[in-house]
Amino acid sequence: MSQFNQGTNSYPQTSQPAPRPVFPNTTTYPPQQTSQPSYHSPQPQAPESGFAAARPTFTGTPQAPVQPTAPAGMPMNVAPTAGYEEKKAEVVLVAREFFRNVPDWVTFFREIVGVEGVVHRLFPQPEEFTKFEQSEEYSEIQLMIVKLRERTNVQNEAKEPTRVITVRLPKSLHESLRVEAHSRRTSMNKLCISKLLQVIDDSMIPSD
């Protein structure tokens, strides 16, 4: 039977580490920031009616720069049912007064000769309209358009949308137009528009 010496340890004694001195903690740390949202004091809100009064009210869509329009009411001085001579005199009177305002030629054409212009409103029947196109009064209106085209620069024309048409024509006819435009010292575009503004007889249009 093994005997153990009580009170003694047969294993060698190992040195224990000396206890570390405890120093008072003098380091100060800033308070820990939390990720809480910051709140601001609410700003005083203006009453809803105040905003409504301050905001301007716009109706419709933005329009192009205002161009002179046909004198209001003058085309209505003569009804479409009036006599031909009376309506013819009224058209010239309106055109002359509008011409004095020096509008651009596009606006003048639209208000006087266009589809919804004075001429079409007073001469809704094709027979009367064709007859008016052959009159001296219509020739005077065409001269007004020419004068306005001379005064109007491309930049100063009415901001009316443009359209492009493609015309199939023989090479010889295209060459003839090019030579004519060169001899008249103008562009092909101006020359073609000038020709399109002219009145042609129905007999000059071939039937399909």
Protein backbone atom coordinates (compact mmCIF):
# COMPACT_ATOMS: atom_id res chain seq x y z
CA MET A 1 0.00 0.00 0.00
CA SER A 2 1.40 3.28 -1.13
CA GLN A 3 1.94 5.77 1.53
CA PHE A 4 1.64 9.43 0.97
CA ASN A 5 3.18 12.00 3.17
CA GLN A 6 0.43 14.16 4.29
CA GLY A 7 1.20 17.84 4.32
CA THR A 8 3.95 17.47 1.79
CA ASN A 9 3.87 17.52 -2.02
CA SER A 10 6.20 15.29 -3.90
CA TYR A 11 5.93 17.50 -7.02
CA PRO A 12 8.27 20.44 -7.38
CA GLN A 13 6.83 23.80 -6.49
CA THR A 14 6.49 26.25 -9.40
CA SER A 15 6.70 29.97 -8.89
CA GLN A 16 3.33 31.72 -9.23
CA PRO A 17 3.18 35.01 -11.17
CA ALA A 18 3.19 38.00 -8.98
CA PRO A 19 -0.14 39.79 -8.91
CA ARG A 20 -0.29 42.80 -11.20
CA PRO A 21 -0.70 46.11 -9.50
CA VAL A 22 -4.04 47.77 -10.06
CA PHE A 23 -3.84 51.39 -11.03
CA PRO A 24 -6.78 53.69 -10.96
CA ASN A 25 -8.20 54.32 -14.46
CA THR A 26 -7.70 57.99 -15.19
CA THR A 27 -8.44 57.80 -18.95
CA THR A 28 -11.66 59.51 -19.91
CA TYR A 29 -13.64 58.55 -22.98
CA PRO A 30 -16.22 60.68 -24.78
CA PRO A 31 -19.76 59.56 -24.33
CA GLN A 32 -20.65 56.83 -26.76
CA GLN A 33 -22.59 58.05 -29.73
CA THR A 34 -25.78 56.32 -30.53
CA SER A 35 -27.26 55.97 -33.96
CA GLN A 36 -30.52 57.51 -33.02
CA PRO A 37 -31.99 59.91 -35.57
CA SER A 38 -31.71 63.55 -34.79
CA TYR A 39 -34.87 65.52 -34.60
CA HIS A 40 -35.33 69.13 -35.45
CA SER A 41 -37.90 71.37 -34.11
CA PRO A 42 -40.77 71.57 -36.58
CA GLN A 43 -40.91 74.67 -38.71
CA PRO A 44 -44.11 76.62 -38.73
CA GLN A 45 -46.16 75.67 -41.77
CA ALA A 46 -47.97 78.28 -43.77
CA PRO A 47 -51.64 77.68 -44.22
CA GLU A 48 -52.56 75.91 -47.41
CA SER A 49 -54.55 78.88 -48.58
CA GLY A 50 -51.43 81.04 -48.36
CA PHE A 51 -49.60 78.84 -50.85
CA ALA A 52 -52.54 78.87 -53.19
CA ALA A 53 -52.59 82.64 -53.15
CA ALA A 54 -48.86 82.95 -53.79
CA ARG A 55 -48.65 80.52 -56.69
CA PRO A 56 -49.51 81.85 -60.14
CA THR A 57 -52.08 79.89 -62.05
CA PHE A 58 -51.27 78.88 -65.62
CA THR A 59 -53.78 77.52 -68.06
CA GLY A 60 -53.07 75.78 -71.33
CA THR A 61 -49.65 75.07 -72.79
CA PRO A 62 -46.71 77.45 -73.34
CA GLN A 63 -47.27 79.40 -76.51
CA ALA A 64 -44.89 80.85 -79.07
CA PRO A 65 -44.21 84.59 -79.08
CA VAL A 66 -47.45 86.44 -79.76
CA GLN A 67 -47.88 87.48 -83.37
CA PRO A 68 -50.40 90.04 -84.63
CA THR A 69 -53.72 88.46 -85.44
CA ALA A 70 -56.41 89.51 -87.85
CA PRO A 71 -58.47 92.46 -86.62
CA ALA A 72 -61.08 91.04 -84.30
CA GLY A 73 -64.63 91.23 -85.58
CA MET A 74 -63.88 92.77 -88.98
CA PRO A 75 -64.33 89.57 -91.01
CA MET A 76 -67.74 89.18 -89.37
CA ASN A 77 -68.93 92.53 -90.70
CA VAL A 78 -69.86 90.68 -93.87
CA ALA A 79 -71.58 87.33 -93.66
CA PRO A 80 -70.63 84.47 -95.98
CA THR A 81 -74.13 84.77 -97.45
CA ALA A 82 -73.48 88.34 -98.65
CA GLY A 83 -72.86 89.22 -102.27
CA TYR A 84 -69.61 88.38 -104.01
CA GLU A 85 -68.50 91.99 -104.55
CA GLU A 86 -69.23 92.90 -100.95
CA LYS A 87 -67.22 89.98 -99.60
CA LYS A 88 -64.37 90.70 -101.99
CA ALA A 89 -64.12 94.29 -100.75
CA GLU A 90 -64.21 93.09 -97.14
CA VAL A 91 -61.33 90.66 -97.67
CA VAL A 92 -59.11 93.37 -99.14
CA LEU A 93 -60.02 95.76 -96.32
CA VAL A 94 -59.04 93.21 -93.67
CA ALA A 95 -55.84 92.25 -95.51
CA ARG A 96 -54.71 95.86 -95.89
CA GLU A 97 -55.31 96.67 -92.25
CA PHE A 98 -53.50 93.53 -91.14
CA PHE A 99 -50.62 94.26 -93.53
CA ARG A 100 -50.05 97.63 -91.83
CA ASN A 101 -49.21 95.78 -88.60
CA VAL A 102 -46.21 94.25 -90.44
CA PRO A 103 -46.63 90.65 -89.27
CA ASP A 104 -44.36 87.89 -90.52
CA TRP A 105 -45.50 86.40 -93.80
CA VAL A 106 -46.42 83.02 -92.27
CA THR A 107 -48.86 84.65 -89.84
CA PHE A 108 -50.32 86.81 -92.61
CA PHE A 109 -50.81 83.80 -94.86
CA ARG A 110 -52.43 81.75 -92.10
CA GLU A 111 -54.84 84.49 -91.01
CA ILE A 112 -55.79 85.72 -94.48
CA VAL A 113 -55.36 82.91 -97.02
CA GLY A 114 -54.97 79.83 -94.82
CA VAL A 115 -57.54 77.07 -94.46
CA GLU A 116 -59.17 78.90 -91.54
CA GLY A 117 -58.32 82.37 -92.80
CA VAL A 118 -60.55 85.24 -93.85
CA VAL A 119 -60.73 84.23 -97.51
CA HIS A 120 -61.94 80.71 -96.82
CA ARG A 121 -64.43 81.91 -94.23
CA LEU A 122 -66.02 84.41 -96.62
CA PHE A 123 -65.79 82.15 -99.67
CA PRO A 124 -66.63 78.67 -98.38
CA GLN A 125 -67.91 77.50 -101.77
CA PRO A 126 -65.21 76.23 -104.17
CA GLU A 127 -66.71 78.11 -107.12
CA GLU A 128 -66.56 81.50 -105.39
CA PHE A 129 -63.13 80.78 -103.95
CA THR A 130 -61.73 79.94 -107.38
CA LYS A 131 -63.31 83.09 -108.82
CA PHE A 132 -61.73 85.21 -106.09
CA GLU A 133 -58.30 83.70 -106.78
CA GLN A 134 -58.52 85.10 -110.30
CA SER A 135 -59.41 88.63 -109.15
CA GLU A 136 -57.19 91.70 -108.86
CA GLU A 137 -57.86 91.77 -105.13
CA TYR A 138 -56.26 88.36 -104.68
CA SER A 139 -53.26 89.47 -106.75
CA GLU A 140 -52.88 92.40 -104.36
CA ILE A 141 -52.89 90.00 -101.40
CA GLN A 142 -50.20 87.92 -103.08
CA LEU A 143 -48.04 91.02 -103.48
CA MET A 144 -48.49 91.70 -99.77
CA ILE A 145 -47.17 88.22 -99.03
CA VAL A 146 -44.15 88.87 -101.27
CA LYS A 147 -43.36 92.12 -99.44
CA LEU A 148 -43.65 90.43 -96.06
CA ARG A 149 -41.39 87.59 -97.21
CA GLU A 150 -38.76 90.17 -98.13
CA ARG A 151 -38.95 91.76 -94.66
CA THR A 152 -39.10 88.56 -92.65
CA ASN A 153 -35.93 86.73 -91.68
CA VAL A 154 -36.01 83.02 -91.01
CA GLN A 155 -35.33 83.67 -87.30
CA ASN A 156 -38.25 86.12 -87.10
CA GLU A 157 -40.83 83.90 -88.72
CA ALA A 158 -43.74 82.71 -86.65
CA LYS A 159 -42.96 79.68 -84.52
CA GLU A 160 -45.33 77.57 -86.58
CA PRO A 161 -44.45 73.90 -87.02
CA THR A 162 -42.99 73.10 -90.42
CA ARG A 163 -43.74 70.14 -92.62
CA VAL A 164 -41.61 68.43 -95.22
CA ILE A 165 -42.96 67.02 -98.46
CA THR A 166 -41.10 64.76 -100.85
CA VAL A 167 -41.80 65.46 -104.51
CA ARG A 168 -40.75 63.01 -107.17
CA LEU A 169 -39.75 64.89 -110.30
CA PRO A 170 -37.61 64.18 -113.34
CA LYS A 171 -33.96 65.03 -113.20
CA SER A 172 -34.32 67.55 -116.03
CA LEU A 173 -37.06 69.43 -114.14
CA HIS A 174 -34.95 69.48 -110.98
CA GLU A 175 -32.02 70.85 -112.98
CA SER A 176 -34.27 73.51 -114.49
CA LEU A 177 -35.40 74.64 -111.03
CA ARG A 178 -31.81 74.73 -109.82
CA VAL A 179 -30.72 76.93 -112.74
CA GLU A 180 -33.74 79.22 -112.27
CA ALA A 181 -32.99 79.63 -108.56
CA HIS A 182 -29.37 80.46 -109.36
CA SER A 183 -30.34 83.02 -112.01
CA ARG A 184 -32.82 84.67 -109.64
CA ARG A 185 -30.21 84.64 -106.85
CA THR A 186 -32.43 82.79 -104.46
CA SER A 187 -32.61 79.36 -102.90
CA MET A 188 -34.45 76.34 -104.24
CA ASN A 189 -36.62 76.40 -101.14
CA LYS A 190 -37.73 80.02 -101.64
CA LEU A 191 -38.30 79.46 -105.34
CA CYS A 192 -40.47 76.40 -104.76
CA ILE A 193 -42.50 78.18 -102.05
CA SER A 194 -43.04 81.11 -104.44
CA LYS A 195 -44.34 78.76 -107.10
CA LEU A 196 -46.58 76.96 -104.63
CA LEU A 197 -48.16 80.28 -103.61
CA GLN A 198 -49.24 80.97 -107.19
CA VAL A 199 -52.71 80.20 -108.48
CA ILE A 200 -52.97 77.64 -111.24
CA ASP A 201 -55.95 76.83 -113.38
CA ASP A 202 -57.60 73.45 -113.07
CA SER A 203 -56.81 72.79 -116.71
CA MET A 204 -53.10 72.87 -115.83
CA ILE A 205 -53.48 69.89 -113.50
CA PRO A 206 -53.51 66.54 -115.34
CA SER A 207 -56.26 64.16 -114.35
CA ASP A 208 -55.33 60.80 -112.86
